[in-house]
Amino acid sequence: MIVFASAPGWWSNSQPPVIAPNATPNDYAAVNQGQVKNIAKAAVAEFDANLPGGAGDVLHALVDGWATPQLTGTAATNDYAAINLGQLKAVATPFYARLIDIGYSDDYPWIDSPNQASDYRPSQ
């Protein structure tokens, strides 16, 4: 039997919400940079509200760096660009590091995965 957990309440309560209530689900769509930034910002706010010591300086520096447009060469970053698994892990790593620091997690979930790492594969 497969059991699916419900989404955390903060996914709907954050501003803007992580989950758009009227959006049509597309489980096979690529994840884009803007979606990852939106979820990360909401997660930092949730950490600040509920973790001992809040999100911490590393996570605040991560999301604060997105507040002003960053230039890569001559073009601004594109929040609609797809993100690959390696990029997603790079954003998730400081969140897991914070959870490990306060004893809420023991390790990064991809470390002990039986699946071979495919960091250049698009995220879905």
PDB file of N, CA and C in Angstrom:
ATOM      1  N   MET A   1       0.845  -1.175   0.000  1.00  0.00           N
ATOM      2  CA  MET A   1       0.000   0.000   0.000  1.00  0.00           C
ATOM      3  C   MET A   1       0.891   1.239   0.000  1.00  0.00           C
ATOM      4  N   ILE A   2       0.567   2.204  -0.838  1.00  0.00           N
ATOM      5  CA  ILE A   2       1.286   3.470  -0.895  1.00  0.00           C
ATOM      6  C   ILE A   2       0.488   4.506  -0.124  1.00  0.00           C
ATOM      7  N   VAL A   3       1.164   5.225   0.758  1.00  0.00           N
ATOM      8  CA  VAL A   3       0.530   6.259   1.559  1.00  0.00           C
ATOM      9  C   VAL A   3       1.212   7.586   1.241  1.00  0.00           C
ATOM     10  N   PHE A   4       0.429   8.586   0.964  1.00  0.00           N
ATOM     11  CA  PHE A   4       0.959   9.916   0.682  1.00  0.00           C
ATOM     12  C   PHE A   4       0.635  10.850   1.834  1.00  0.00           C
ATOM     13  N   ALA A   5       1.627  11.589   2.276  1.00  0.00           N
ATOM     14  CA  ALA A   5       1.424  12.569   3.341  1.00  0.00           C
ATOM     15  C   ALA A   5       0.775  13.811   2.755  1.00  0.00           C
ATOM     16  N   SER A   6       0.016  14.495   3.568  1.00  0.00           N
ATOM     17  CA  SER A   6      -0.561  15.760   3.107  1.00  0.00           C
ATOM     18  C   SER A   6       0.509  16.842   3.163  1.00  0.00           C
ATOM     19  N   ALA A   7       0.326  17.873   2.375  1.00  0.00           N
ATOM     20  CA  ALA A   7       1.274  18.982   2.336  1.00  0.00           C
ATOM     21  C   ALA A   7       1.237  19.737   3.666  1.00  0.00           C
ATOM     22  N   PRO A   8       2.390  20.231   4.120  1.00  0.00           N
ATOM     23  CA  PRO A   8       2.399  21.026   5.355  1.00  0.00           C
ATOM     24  C   PRO A   8       1.517  22.267   5.204  1.00  0.00           C
ATOM     25  N   GLY A   9       0.907  22.702   6.279  1.00  0.00           N
ATOM     26  CA  GLY A   9       0.023  23.861   6.247  1.00  0.00           C
ATOM     27  C   GLY A   9       0.682  25.126   5.736  1.00  0.00           C
ATOM     28  N   TRP A  10       1.967  25.302   6.026  1.00  0.00           N
ATOM     29  CA  TRP A  10       2.644  26.530   5.607  1.00  0.00           C
ATOM     30  C   TRP A  10       2.781  26.632   4.103  1.00  0.00           C
ATOM     31  N   TRP A  11       2.664  25.519   3.373  1.00  0.00           N
ATOM     32  CA  TRP A  11       2.727  25.576   1.914  1.00  0.00           C
ATOM     33  C   TRP A  11       1.565  26.381   1.357  1.00  0.00           C
ATOM     34  N   SER A  12       0.427  26.341   2.031  1.00  0.00           N
ATOM     35  CA  SER A  12      -0.745  27.097   1.586  1.00  0.00           C
ATOM     36  C   SER A  12      -0.842  28.459   2.262  1.00  0.00           C
ATOM     37  N   ASN A  13      -0.260  28.584   3.461  1.00  0.00           N
ATOM     38  CA  ASN A  13      -0.416  29.805   4.253  1.00  0.00           C
ATOM     39  C   ASN A  13       0.661  30.851   4.012  1.00  0.00           C
ATOM     40  N   SER A  14       1.762  30.486   3.356  1.00  0.00           N
ATOM     41  CA  SER A  14       2.831  31.459   3.127  1.00  0.00           C
ATOM     42  C   SER A  14       2.390  32.469   2.072  1.00  0.00           C
ATOM     43  N   GLN A  15       3.060  33.608   2.042  1.00  0.00           N
ATOM     44  CA  GLN A  15       2.744  34.639   1.049  1.00  0.00           C
ATOM     45  C   GLN A  15       3.945  34.938   0.198  1.00  0.00           C
ATOM     46  N   PRO A  16       3.959  34.669  -1.083  1.00  0.00           N
ATOM     47  CA  PRO A  16       2.910  33.969  -1.814  1.00  0.00           C
ATOM     48  C   PRO A  16       2.905  32.501  -1.428  1.00  0.00           C
ATOM     49  N   PRO A  17       1.776  31.823  -1.601  1.00  0.00           N
ATOM     50  CA  PRO A  17       1.708  30.412  -1.210  1.00  0.00           C
ATOM     51  C   PRO A  17       2.609  29.541  -2.077  1.00  0.00           C
ATOM     52  N   VAL A  18       3.159  28.505  -1.483  1.00  0.00           N
ATOM     53  CA  VAL A  18       3.988  27.550  -2.216  1.00  0.00           C
ATOM     54  C   VAL A  18       3.121  26.788  -3.212  1.00  0.00           C
ATOM     55  N   ILE A  19       1.915  26.450  -2.798  1.00  0.00           N
ATOM     56  CA  ILE A  19       0.986  25.727  -3.659  1.00  0.00           C
ATOM     57  C   ILE A  19      -0.122  26.682  -4.078  1.00  0.00           C
ATOM     58  N   ALA A  20      -0.293  26.838  -5.380  1.00  0.00           N
ATOM     59  CA  ALA A  20      -1.385  27.661  -5.895  1.00  0.00           C
ATOM     60  C   ALA A  20      -2.657  26.807  -5.894  1.00  0.00           C
ATOM     61  N   PRO A  21      -3.656  27.186  -5.101  1.00  0.00           N
ATOM     62  CA  PRO A  21      -4.827  26.323  -4.917  1.00  0.00           C
ATOM     63  C   PRO A  21      -5.619  26.055  -6.199  1.00  0.00           C
ATOM     64  N   ASN A  22      -5.611  26.959  -7.151  1.00  0.00           N
ATOM     65  CA  ASN A  22      -6.410  26.777  -8.365  1.00  0.00           C
ATOM     66  C   ASN A  22      -5.595  26.307  -9.566  1.00  0.00           C
ATOM     67  N   ALA A  23      -4.323  26.017  -9.354  1.00  0.00           N
ATOM     68  CA  ALA A  23      -3.478  25.566 -10.461  1.00  0.00           C
ATOM     69  C   ALA A  23      -3.779  24.111 -10.805  1.00  0.00           C
ATOM     70  N   THR A  24      -3.652  23.791 -12.074  1.00  0.00           N
ATOM     71  CA  THR A  24      -3.824  22.414 -12.524  1.00  0.00           C
ATOM     72  C   THR A  24      -2.534  21.655 -12.270  1.00  0.00           C
ATOM     73  N   PRO A  25      -2.590  20.552 -11.535  1.00  0.00           N
ATOM     74  CA  PRO A  25      -1.362  19.793 -11.268  1.00  0.00           C
ATOM     75  C   PRO A  25      -0.740  19.252 -12.549  1.00  0.00           C
ATOM     76  N   ASN A  26       0.588  19.278 -12.592  1.00  0.00           N
ATOM     77  CA  ASN A  26       1.330  18.684 -13.699  1.00  0.00           C
ATOM     78  C   ASN A  26       2.564  18.033 -13.094  1.00  0.00           C
ATOM     79  N   ASP A  27       2.422  16.787 -12.686  1.00  0.00           N
ATOM     80  CA  ASP A  27       3.490  16.083 -11.979  1.00  0.00           C
ATOM     81  C   ASP A  27       4.733  15.833 -12.816  1.00  0.00           C
ATOM     82  N   TYR A  28       4.640  16.037 -14.116  1.00  0.00           N
ATOM     83  CA  TYR A  28       5.787  15.778 -14.989  1.00  0.00           C
ATOM     84  C   TYR A  28       6.432  17.057 -15.511  1.00  0.00           C
ATOM     85  N   ALA A  29       5.987  18.197 -15.054  1.00  0.00           N
ATOM     86  CA  ALA A  29       6.562  19.472 -15.488  1.00  0.00           C
ATOM     87  C   ALA A  29       7.909  19.686 -14.817  1.00  0.00           C
ATOM     88  N   ALA A  30       8.812  20.344 -15.512  1.00  0.00           N
ATOM     89  CA  ALA A  30      10.117  20.675 -14.936  1.00  0.00           C
ATOM     90  C   ALA A  30       9.937  21.716 -13.837  1.00  0.00           C
ATOM     91  N   VAL A  31      10.747  21.617 -12.821  1.00  0.00           N
ATOM     92  CA  VAL A  31      10.776  22.606 -11.743  1.00  0.00           C
ATOM     93  C   VAL A  31      11.595  23.791 -12.244  1.00  0.00           C
ATOM     94  N   ASN A  32      11.140  25.016 -11.947  1.00  0.00           N
ATOM     95  CA  ASN A  32      11.931  26.162 -12.389  1.00  0.00           C
ATOM     96  C   ASN A  32      12.557  26.903 -11.206  1.00  0.00           C
ATOM     97  N   GLN A  33      13.515  27.759 -11.521  1.00  0.00           N
ATOM     98  CA  GLN A  33      14.269  28.469 -10.485  1.00  0.00           C
ATOM     99  C   GLN A  33      13.366  29.317  -9.595  1.00  0.00           C
ATOM    100  N   GLY A  34      12.377  29.958 -10.172  1.00  0.00           N
ATOM    101  CA  GLY A  34      11.470  30.788  -9.376  1.00  0.00           C
ATOM    102  C   GLY A  34      10.685  29.979  -8.362  1.00  0.00           C
ATOM    103  N   GLN A  35      10.259  28.777  -8.740  1.00  0.00           N
ATOM    104  CA  GLN A  35       9.531  27.918  -7.805  1.00  0.00           C
ATOM    105  C   GLN A  35      10.423  27.524  -6.631  1.00  0.00           C
ATOM    106  N   VAL A  36      11.663  27.185  -6.927  1.00  0.00           N
ATOM    107  CA  VAL A  36      12.594  26.792  -5.868  1.00  0.00           C
ATOM    108  C   VAL A  36      12.848  27.974  -4.926  1.00  0.00           C
ATOM    109  N   LYS A  37      13.026  29.155  -5.488  1.00  0.00           N
ATOM    110  CA  LYS A  37      13.231  30.350  -4.654  1.00  0.00           C
ATOM    111  C   LYS A  37      12.014  30.621  -3.782  1.00  0.00           C
ATOM    112  N   ASN A  38      10.815  30.485  -4.341  1.00  0.00           N
ATOM    113  CA  ASN A  38       9.588  30.716  -3.592  1.00  0.00           C
ATOM    114  C   ASN A  38       9.471  29.747  -2.419  1.00  0.00           C
ATOM    115  N   ILE A  39       9.722  28.472  -2.671  1.00  0.00           N
ATOM    116  CA  ILE A  39       9.653  27.470  -1.603  1.00  0.00           C
ATOM    117  C   ILE A  39      10.733  27.727  -0.555  1.00  0.00           C
ATOM    118  N   ALA A  40      11.939  28.067  -0.995  1.00  0.00           N
ATOM    119  CA  ALA A  40      13.032  28.326  -0.055  1.00  0.00           C
ATOM    120  C   ALA A  40      12.718  29.520   0.841  1.00  0.00           C
ATOM    121  N   LYS A  41      12.188  30.598   0.275  1.00  0.00           N
ATOM    122  CA  LYS A  41      11.832  31.779   1.077  1.00  0.00           C
ATOM    123  C   LYS A  41      10.756  31.425   2.109  1.00  0.00           C
ATOM    124  N   ALA A  42       9.749  30.661   1.678  1.00  0.00           N
ATOM    125  CA  ALA A  42       8.695  30.253   2.608  1.00  0.00           C
ATOM    126  C   ALA A  42       9.257  29.325   3.693  1.00  0.00           C
ATOM    127  N   ALA A  43      10.193  28.460   3.334  1.00  0.00           N
ATOM    128  CA  ALA A  43      10.797  27.553   4.319  1.00  0.00           C
ATOM    129  C   ALA A  43      11.626  28.328   5.340  1.00  0.00           C
ATOM    130  N   VAL A  44      12.342  29.355   4.897  1.00  0.00           N
ATOM    131  CA  VAL A  44      13.111  30.187   5.836  1.00  0.00           C
ATOM    132  C   VAL A  44      12.166  30.856   6.833  1.00  0.00           C
ATOM    133  N   ALA A  45      11.054  31.377   6.351  1.00  0.00           N
ATOM    134  CA  ALA A  45      10.074  31.997   7.253  1.00  0.00           C
ATOM    135  C   ALA A  45       9.525  30.971   8.241  1.00  0.00           C
ATOM    136  N   GLU A  46       9.273  29.765   7.761  1.00  0.00           N
ATOM    137  CA  GLU A  46       8.776  28.694   8.640  1.00  0.00           C
ATOM    138  C   GLU A  46       9.834  28.303   9.672  1.00  0.00           C
ATOM    139  N   PHE A  47      11.081  28.192   9.247  1.00  0.00           N
ATOM    140  CA  PHE A  47      12.179  27.895  10.183  1.00  0.00           C
ATOM    141  C   PHE A  47      12.274  28.992  11.238  1.00  0.00           C
ATOM    142  N   ASP A  48      12.199  30.261  10.802  1.00  0.00           N
ATOM    143  CA  ASP A  48      12.283  31.378  11.751  1.00  0.00           C
ATOM    144  C   ASP A  48      11.167  31.299  12.794  1.00  0.00           C
ATOM    145  N   ALA A  49       9.994  30.908  12.360  1.00  0.00           N
ATOM    146  CA  ALA A  49       8.842  30.867  13.260  1.00  0.00           C
ATOM    147  C   ALA A  49       8.848  29.656  14.191  1.00  0.00           C
ATOM    148  N   ASN A  50       9.488  28.565  13.790  1.00  0.00           N
ATOM    149  CA  ASN A  50       9.295  27.325  14.550  1.00  0.00           C
ATOM    150  C   ASN A  50      10.540  26.591  15.015  1.00  0.00           C
ATOM    151  N   LEU A  51      11.712  26.961  14.552  1.00  0.00           N
ATOM    152  CA  LEU A  51      12.917  26.254  14.985  1.00  0.00           C
ATOM    153  C   LEU A  51      13.631  27.041  16.081  1.00  0.00           C
ATOM    154  N   PRO A  52      14.254  26.352  17.024  1.00  0.00           N
ATOM    155  CA  PRO A  52      15.070  27.053  18.018  1.00  0.00           C
ATOM    156  C   PRO A  52      16.203  27.793  17.311  1.00  0.00           C
ATOM    157  N   GLY A  53      16.255  29.088  17.483  1.00  0.00           N
ATOM    158  CA  GLY A  53      17.289  29.899  16.828  1.00  0.00           C
ATOM    159  C   GLY A  53      16.949  30.301  15.402  1.00  0.00           C
ATOM    160  N   GLY A  54      15.775  29.930  14.925  1.00  0.00           N
ATOM    161  CA  GLY A  54      15.339  30.332  13.592  1.00  0.00           C
ATOM    162  C   GLY A  54      16.116  29.661  12.477  1.00  0.00           C
ATOM    163  N   ALA A  55      16.066  30.269  11.307  1.00  0.00           N
ATOM    164  CA  ALA A  55      16.689  29.698  10.110  1.00  0.00           C
ATOM    165  C   ALA A  55      18.206  29.805  10.134  1.00  0.00           C
ATOM    166  N   GLY A  56      18.721  30.835  10.756  1.00  0.00           N
ATOM    167  CA  GLY A  56      20.164  31.009  10.812  1.00  0.00           C
ATOM    168  C   GLY A  56      20.692  31.909   9.697  1.00  0.00           C
ATOM    169  N   ASP A  57      21.922  32.354   9.879  1.00  0.00           N
ATOM    170  CA  ASP A  57      22.535  33.323   8.957  1.00  0.00           C
ATOM    171  C   ASP A  57      22.739  32.776   7.551  1.00  0.00           C
ATOM    172  N   VAL A  58      23.115  31.512   7.431  1.00  0.00           N
ATOM    173  CA  VAL A  58      23.398  30.931   6.113  1.00  0.00           C
ATOM    174  C   VAL A  58      22.144  30.944   5.247  1.00  0.00           C
ATOM    175  N   LEU A  59      21.021  30.521   5.800  1.00  0.00           N
ATOM    176  CA  LEU A  59      19.785  30.493   5.019  1.00  0.00           C
ATOM    177  C   LEU A  59      19.280  31.899   4.712  1.00  0.00           C
ATOM    178  N   HIS A  60      19.430  32.816   5.667  1.00  0.00           N
ATOM    179  CA  HIS A  60      19.026  34.198   5.382  1.00  0.00           C
ATOM    180  C   HIS A  60      19.890  34.805   4.282  1.00  0.00           C
ATOM    181  N   ALA A  61      21.173  34.522   4.300  1.00  0.00           N
ATOM    182  CA  ALA A  61      22.058  35.029   3.240  1.00  0.00           C
ATOM    183  C   ALA A  61      21.667  34.438   1.885  1.00  0.00           C
ATOM    184  N   LEU A  62      21.272  33.167   1.870  1.00  0.00           N
ATOM    185  CA  LEU A  62      20.858  32.523   0.622  1.00  0.00           C
ATOM    186  C   LEU A  62      19.668  33.249   0.011  1.00  0.00           C
ATOM    187  N   VAL A  63      18.598  33.418   0.774  1.00  0.00           N
ATOM    188  CA  VAL A  63      17.395  34.037   0.205  1.00  0.00           C
ATOM    189  C   VAL A  63      17.550  35.545   0.027  1.00  0.00           C
ATOM    190  N   ASP A  64      18.346  36.196   0.884  1.00  0.00           N
ATOM    191  CA  ASP A  64      18.580  37.627   0.701  1.00  0.00           C
ATOM    192  C   ASP A  64      19.341  37.907  -0.589  1.00  0.00           C
ATOM    193  N   GLY A  65      20.174  36.964  -1.005  1.00  0.00           N
ATOM    194  CA  GLY A  65      20.910  37.115  -2.254  1.00  0.00           C
ATOM    195  C   GLY A  65      20.005  37.124  -3.468  1.00  0.00           C
ATOM    196  N   TRP A  66      18.797  36.612  -3.314  1.00  0.00           N
ATOM    197  CA  TRP A  66      17.831  36.613  -4.419  1.00  0.00           C
ATOM    198  C   TRP A  66      17.006  37.892  -4.470  1.00  0.00           C
ATOM    199  N   ALA A  67      17.130  38.771  -3.465  1.00  0.00           N
ATOM    200  CA  ALA A  67      16.299  39.966  -3.394  1.00  0.00           C
ATOM    201  C   ALA A  67      16.644  40.978  -4.483  1.00  0.00           C
ATOM    202  N   THR A  68      17.888  40.991  -4.914  1.00  0.00           N
ATOM    203  CA  THR A  68      18.282  41.896  -5.990  1.00  0.00           C
ATOM    204  C   THR A  68      18.672  41.070  -7.201  1.00  0.00           C
ATOM    205  N   PRO A  69      18.367  41.557  -8.392  1.00  0.00           N
ATOM    206  CA  PRO A  69      18.702  40.780  -9.595  1.00  0.00           C
ATOM    207  C   PRO A  69      20.204  40.504  -9.673  1.00  0.00           C
ATOM    208  N   GLN A  70      20.541  39.266  -9.913  1.00  0.00           N
ATOM    209  CA  GLN A  70      21.932  38.866 -10.082  1.00  0.00           C
ATOM    210  C   GLN A  70      22.211  38.763 -11.576  1.00  0.00           C
ATOM    211  N   LEU A  71      23.335  39.244 -11.999  1.00  0.00           N
ATOM    212  CA  LEU A  71      23.692  39.179 -13.405  1.00  0.00           C
ATOM    213  C   LEU A  71      24.691  38.067 -13.651  1.00  0.00           C
ATOM    214  N   THR A  72      24.449  37.288 -14.660  1.00  0.00           N
ATOM    215  CA  THR A  72      25.369  36.248 -15.100  1.00  0.00           C
ATOM    216  C   THR A  72      25.810  36.645 -16.493  1.00  0.00           C
ATOM    217  N   GLY A  73      27.035  37.071 -16.640  1.00  0.00           N
ATOM    218  CA  GLY A  73      27.475  37.586 -17.941  1.00  0.00           C
ATOM    219  C   GLY A  73      26.739  38.875 -18.215  1.00  0.00           C
ATOM    220  N   THR A  74      25.914  38.871 -19.246  1.00  0.00           N
ATOM    221  CA  THR A  74      25.161  40.089 -19.578  1.00  0.00           C
ATOM    222  C   THR A  74      23.665  39.917 -19.376  1.00  0.00           C
ATOM    223  N   ALA A  75      23.216  38.722 -18.986  1.00  0.00           N
ATOM    224  CA  ALA A  75      21.778  38.489 -18.835  1.00  0.00           C
ATOM    225  C   ALA A  75      21.411  38.251 -17.374  1.00  0.00           C
ATOM    226  N   ALA A  76      20.280  38.788 -16.963  1.00  0.00           N
ATOM    227  CA  ALA A  76      19.790  38.543 -15.608  1.00  0.00           C
ATOM    228  C   ALA A  76      19.368  37.078 -15.481  1.00  0.00           C
ATOM    229  N   THR A  77      19.376  36.563 -14.260  1.00  0.00           N
ATOM    230  CA  THR A  77      18.946  35.178 -14.072  1.00  0.00           C
ATOM    231  C   THR A  77      17.492  35.041 -14.487  1.00  0.00           C
ATOM    232  N   ASN A  78      17.115  33.855 -14.912  1.00  0.00           N
ATOM    233  CA  ASN A  78      15.787  33.590 -15.437  1.00  0.00           C
ATOM    234  C   ASN A  78      15.038  32.681 -14.469  1.00  0.00           C
ATOM    235  N   ASP A  79      14.075  33.224 -13.746  1.00  0.00           N
ATOM    236  CA  ASP A  79      13.313  32.428 -12.785  1.00  0.00           C
ATOM    237  C   ASP A  79      12.444  31.366 -13.447  1.00  0.00           C
ATOM    238  N   TYR A  80      12.273  31.440 -14.754  1.00  0.00           N
ATOM    239  CA  TYR A  80      11.487  30.429 -15.468  1.00  0.00           C
ATOM    240  C   TYR A  80      12.354  29.323 -16.056  1.00  0.00           C
ATOM    241  N   ALA A  81      13.659  29.415 -15.876  1.00  0.00           N
ATOM    242  CA  ALA A  81      14.565  28.383 -16.376  1.00  0.00           C
ATOM    243  C   ALA A  81      14.432  27.125 -15.524  1.00  0.00           C
ATOM    244  N   ALA A  82      14.499  25.977 -16.176  1.00  0.00           N
ATOM    245  CA  ALA A  82      14.426  24.700 -15.455  1.00  0.00           C
ATOM    246  C   ALA A  82      15.644  24.544 -14.551  1.00  0.00           C
ATOM    247  N   ILE A  83      15.466  23.804 -13.489  1.00  0.00           N
ATOM    248  CA  ILE A  83      16.544  23.550 -12.536  1.00  0.00           C
ATOM    249  C   ILE A  83      16.833  22.044 -12.537  1.00  0.00           C
ATOM    250  N   ASN A  84      18.103  21.690 -12.446  1.00  0.00           N
ATOM    251  CA  ASN A  84      18.432  20.257 -12.434  1.00  0.00           C
ATOM    252  C   ASN A  84      18.586  19.772 -10.991  1.00  0.00           C
ATOM    253  N   LEU A  85      18.732  18.460 -10.827  1.00  0.00           N
ATOM    254  CA  LEU A  85      18.797  17.876  -9.482  1.00  0.00           C
ATOM    255  C   LEU A  85      19.987  18.394  -8.676  1.00  0.00           C
ATOM    256  N   GLY A  86      21.128  18.589  -9.332  1.00  0.00           N
ATOM    257  CA  GLY A  86      22.294  19.120  -8.623  1.00  0.00           C
ATOM    258  C   GLY A  86      22.051  20.515  -8.085  1.00  0.00           C
ATOM    259  N   GLN A  87      21.395  21.354  -8.881  1.00  0.00           N
ATOM    260  CA  GLN A  87      21.067  22.707  -8.424  1.00  0.00           C
ATOM    261  C   GLN A  87      20.073  22.660  -7.269  1.00  0.00           C
ATOM    262  N   LEU A  88      19.110  21.767  -7.368  1.00  0.00           N
ATOM    263  CA  LEU A  88      18.125  21.621  -6.296  1.00  0.00           C
ATOM    264  C   LEU A  88      18.790  21.156  -4.999  1.00  0.00           C
ATOM    265  N   LYS A  89      19.713  20.210  -5.108  1.00  0.00           N
ATOM    266  CA  LYS A  89      20.461  19.750  -3.927  1.00  0.00           C
ATOM    267  C   LYS A  89      21.283  20.890  -3.335  1.00  0.00           C
ATOM    268  N   ALA A  90      21.857  21.744  -4.190  1.00  0.00           N
ATOM    269  CA  ALA A  90      22.663  22.866  -3.698  1.00  0.00           C
ATOM    270  C   ALA A  90      21.814  23.820  -2.866  1.00  0.00           C
ATOM    271  N   VAL A  91      20.569  24.026  -3.249  1.00  0.00           N
ATOM    272  CA  VAL A  91      19.678  24.887  -2.467  1.00  0.00           C
ATOM    273  C   VAL A  91      19.202  24.152  -1.209  1.00  0.00           C
ATOM    274  N   ALA A  92      18.922  22.863  -1.323  1.00  0.00           N
ATOM    275  CA  ALA A  92      18.412  22.095  -0.179  1.00  0.00           C
ATOM    276  C   ALA A  92      19.473  21.831   0.887  1.00  0.00           C
ATOM    277  N   THR A  93      20.743  21.775   0.487  1.00  0.00           N
ATOM    278  CA  THR A  93      21.821  21.423   1.424  1.00  0.00           C
ATOM    279  C   THR A  93      21.855  22.305   2.672  1.00  0.00           C
ATOM    280  N   PRO A  94      21.814  23.647   2.572  1.00  0.00           N
ATOM    281  CA  PRO A  94      21.860  24.433   3.812  1.00  0.00           C
ATOM    282  C   PRO A  94      20.615  24.256   4.688  1.00  0.00           C
ATOM    283  N   PHE A  95      19.479  23.902   4.091  1.00  0.00           N
ATOM    284  CA  PHE A  95      18.286  23.625   4.894  1.00  0.00           C
ATOM    285  C   PHE A  95      18.496  22.352   5.715  1.00  0.00           C
ATOM    286  N   TYR A  96      18.982  21.320   5.056  1.00  0.00           N
ATOM    287  CA  TYR A  96      19.267  20.076   5.786  1.00  0.00           C
ATOM    288  C   TYR A  96      20.385  20.286   6.806  1.00  0.00           C
ATOM    289  N   ALA A  97      21.390  21.089   6.468  1.00  0.00           N
ATOM    290  CA  ALA A  97      22.470  21.371   7.422  1.00  0.00           C
ATOM    291  C   ALA A  97      21.902  22.006   8.693  1.00  0.00           C
ATOM    292  N   ARG A  98      20.953  22.914   8.525  1.00  0.00           N
ATOM    293  CA  ARG A  98      20.331  23.563   9.689  1.00  0.00           C
ATOM    294  C   ARG A  98      19.543  22.536  10.506  1.00  0.00           C
ATOM    295  N   LEU A  99      18.788  21.675   9.837  1.00  0.00           N
ATOM    296  CA  LEU A  99      18.026  20.640  10.541  1.00  0.00           C
ATOM    297  C   LEU A  99      18.950  19.652  11.251  1.00  0.00           C
ATOM    298  N   ILE A 100      20.082  19.339  10.644  1.00  0.00           N
ATOM    299  CA  ILE A 100      21.068  18.455  11.266  1.00  0.00           C
ATOM    300  C   ILE A 100      21.682  19.144  12.485  1.00  0.00           C
ATOM    301  N   ASP A 101      22.000  20.443  12.353  1.00  0.00           N
ATOM    302  CA  ASP A 101      22.592  21.201  13.461  1.00  0.00           C
ATOM    303  C   ASP A 101      21.731  21.171  14.723  1.00  0.00           C
ATOM    304  N   ILE A 102      20.415  21.220  14.552  1.00  0.00           N
ATOM    305  CA  ILE A 102      19.547  21.262  15.731  1.00  0.00           C
ATOM    306  C   ILE A 102      18.981  19.886  16.095  1.00  0.00           C
ATOM    307  N   GLY A 103      19.447  18.854  15.392  1.00  0.00           N
ATOM    308  CA  GLY A 103      19.067  17.492  15.746  1.00  0.00           C
ATOM    309  C   GLY A 103      17.749  17.004  15.182  1.00  0.00           C
ATOM    310  N   TYR A 104      17.194  17.681  14.183  1.00  0.00           N
ATOM    311  CA  TYR A 104      15.925  17.252  13.589  1.00  0.00           C
ATOM    312  C   TYR A 104      16.124  16.259  12.457  1.00  0.00           C
ATOM    313  N   SER A 105      17.346  16.115  11.983  1.00  0.00           N
ATOM    314  CA  SER A 105      17.662  15.165  10.914  1.00  0.00           C
ATOM    315  C   SER A 105      19.059  14.630  11.169  1.00  0.00           C
ATOM    316  N   ASP A 106      19.335  13.452  10.624  1.00  0.00           N
ATOM    317  CA  ASP A 106      20.652  12.846  10.818  1.00  0.00           C
ATOM    318  C   ASP A 106      21.553  13.000   9.607  1.00  0.00           C
ATOM    319  N   ASP A 107      20.962  13.164   8.433  1.00  0.00           N
ATOM    320  CA  ASP A 107      21.765  13.147   7.213  1.00  0.00           C
ATOM    321  C   ASP A 107      20.978  13.781   6.075  1.00  0.00           C
ATOM    322  N   TYR A 108      21.645  13.957   4.960  1.00  0.00           N
ATOM    323  CA  TYR A 108      21.008  14.455   3.744  1.00  0.00           C
ATOM    324  C   TYR A 108      20.323  13.267   3.071  1.00  0.00           C
ATOM    325  N   PRO A 109      19.068  13.396   2.641  1.00  0.00           N
ATOM    326  CA  PRO A 109      18.328  12.230   2.142  1.00  0.00           C
ATOM    327  C   PRO A 109      18.923  11.599   0.890  1.00  0.00           C
ATOM    328  N   TRP A 110      19.672  12.339   0.115  1.00  0.00           N
ATOM    329  CA  TRP A 110      20.242  11.786  -1.119  1.00  0.00           C
ATOM    330  C   TRP A 110      21.556  11.044  -0.878  1.00  0.00           C
ATOM    331  N   ILE A 111      22.128  11.148   0.304  1.00  0.00           N
ATOM    332  CA  ILE A 111      23.410  10.494   0.600  1.00  0.00           C
ATOM    333  C   ILE A 111      23.276   8.970   0.585  1.00  0.00           C
ATOM    334  N   ASP A 112      22.253   8.452   1.238  1.00  0.00           N
ATOM    335  CA  ASP A 112      22.083   7.008   1.366  1.00  0.00           C
ATOM    336  C   ASP A 112      21.130   6.422   0.334  1.00  0.00           C
ATOM    337  N   SER A 113      20.821   7.182  -0.700  1.00  0.00           N
ATOM    338  CA  SER A 113      19.890   6.704  -1.718  1.00  0.00           C
ATOM    339  C   SER A 113      20.488   5.533  -2.487  1.00  0.00           C
ATOM    340  N   PRO A 114      19.687   4.501  -2.730  1.00  0.00           N
ATOM    341  CA  PRO A 114      20.185   3.373  -3.526  1.00  0.00           C
ATOM    342  C   PRO A 114      20.298   3.723  -5.013  1.00  0.00           C
ATOM    343  N   ASN A 115      19.700   4.842  -5.406  1.00  0.00           N
ATOM    344  CA  ASN A 115      19.739   5.268  -6.803  1.00  0.00           C
ATOM    345  C   ASN A 115      21.024   6.020  -7.100  1.00  0.00           C
ATOM    346  N   GLN A 116      21.546   5.823  -8.278  1.00  0.00           N
ATOM    347  CA  GLN A 116      22.758   6.525  -8.691  1.00  0.00           C
ATOM    348  C   GLN A 116      22.450   8.012  -8.859  1.00  0.00           C
ATOM    349  N   ALA A 117      23.362   8.847  -8.417  1.00  0.00           N
ATOM    350  CA  ALA A 117      23.180  10.295  -8.548  1.00  0.00           C
ATOM    351  C   ALA A 117      23.112  10.678 -10.021  1.00  0.00           C
ATOM    352  N   SER A 118      22.176  11.546 -10.330  1.00  0.00           N
ATOM    353  CA  SER A 118      22.017  12.035 -11.696  1.00  0.00           C
ATOM    354  C   SER A 118      21.776  13.537 -11.602  1.00  0.00           C
ATOM    355  N   ASP A 119      22.812  14.264 -11.138  1.00  0.00           N
ATOM    356  CA  ASP A 119      22.661  15.673 -10.818  1.00  0.00           C
ATOM    357  C   ASP A 119      22.347  16.567 -12.007  1.00  0.00           C
ATOM    358  N   TYR A 120      22.578  16.097 -13.229  1.00  0.00           N
ATOM    359  CA  TYR A 120      22.299  16.922 -14.401  1.00  0.00           C
ATOM    360  C   TYR A 120      20.914  16.660 -14.977  1.00  0.00           C
ATOM    361  N   ARG A 121      20.180  15.718 -14.384  1.00  0.00           N
ATOM    362  CA  ARG A 121      18.831  15.415 -14.833  1.00  0.00           C
ATOM    363  C   ARG A 121      17.890  16.539 -14.392  1.00  0.00           C
ATOM    364  N   PRO A 122      16.949  16.939 -15.238  1.00  0.00           N
ATOM    365  CA  PRO A 122      15.991  17.978 -14.825  1.00  0.00           C
ATOM    366  C   PRO A 122      15.179  17.532 -13.618  1.00  0.00           C
ATOM    367  N   SER A 123      14.880  18.462 -12.739  1.00  0.00           N
ATOM    368  CA  SER A 123      14.027  18.176 -11.579  1.00  0.00           C
ATOM    369  C   SER A 123      12.573  18.156 -12.019  1.00  0.00           C
ATOM    370  N   GLN A 124      11.797  17.282 -11.399  1.00  0.00           N
ATOM    371  CA  GLN A 124      10.349  17.232 -11.646  1.00  0.00           C
ATOM    372  C   GLN A 124       9.624  17.205 -10.335  1.00  0.00           C
TER     373      GLN A 124
END
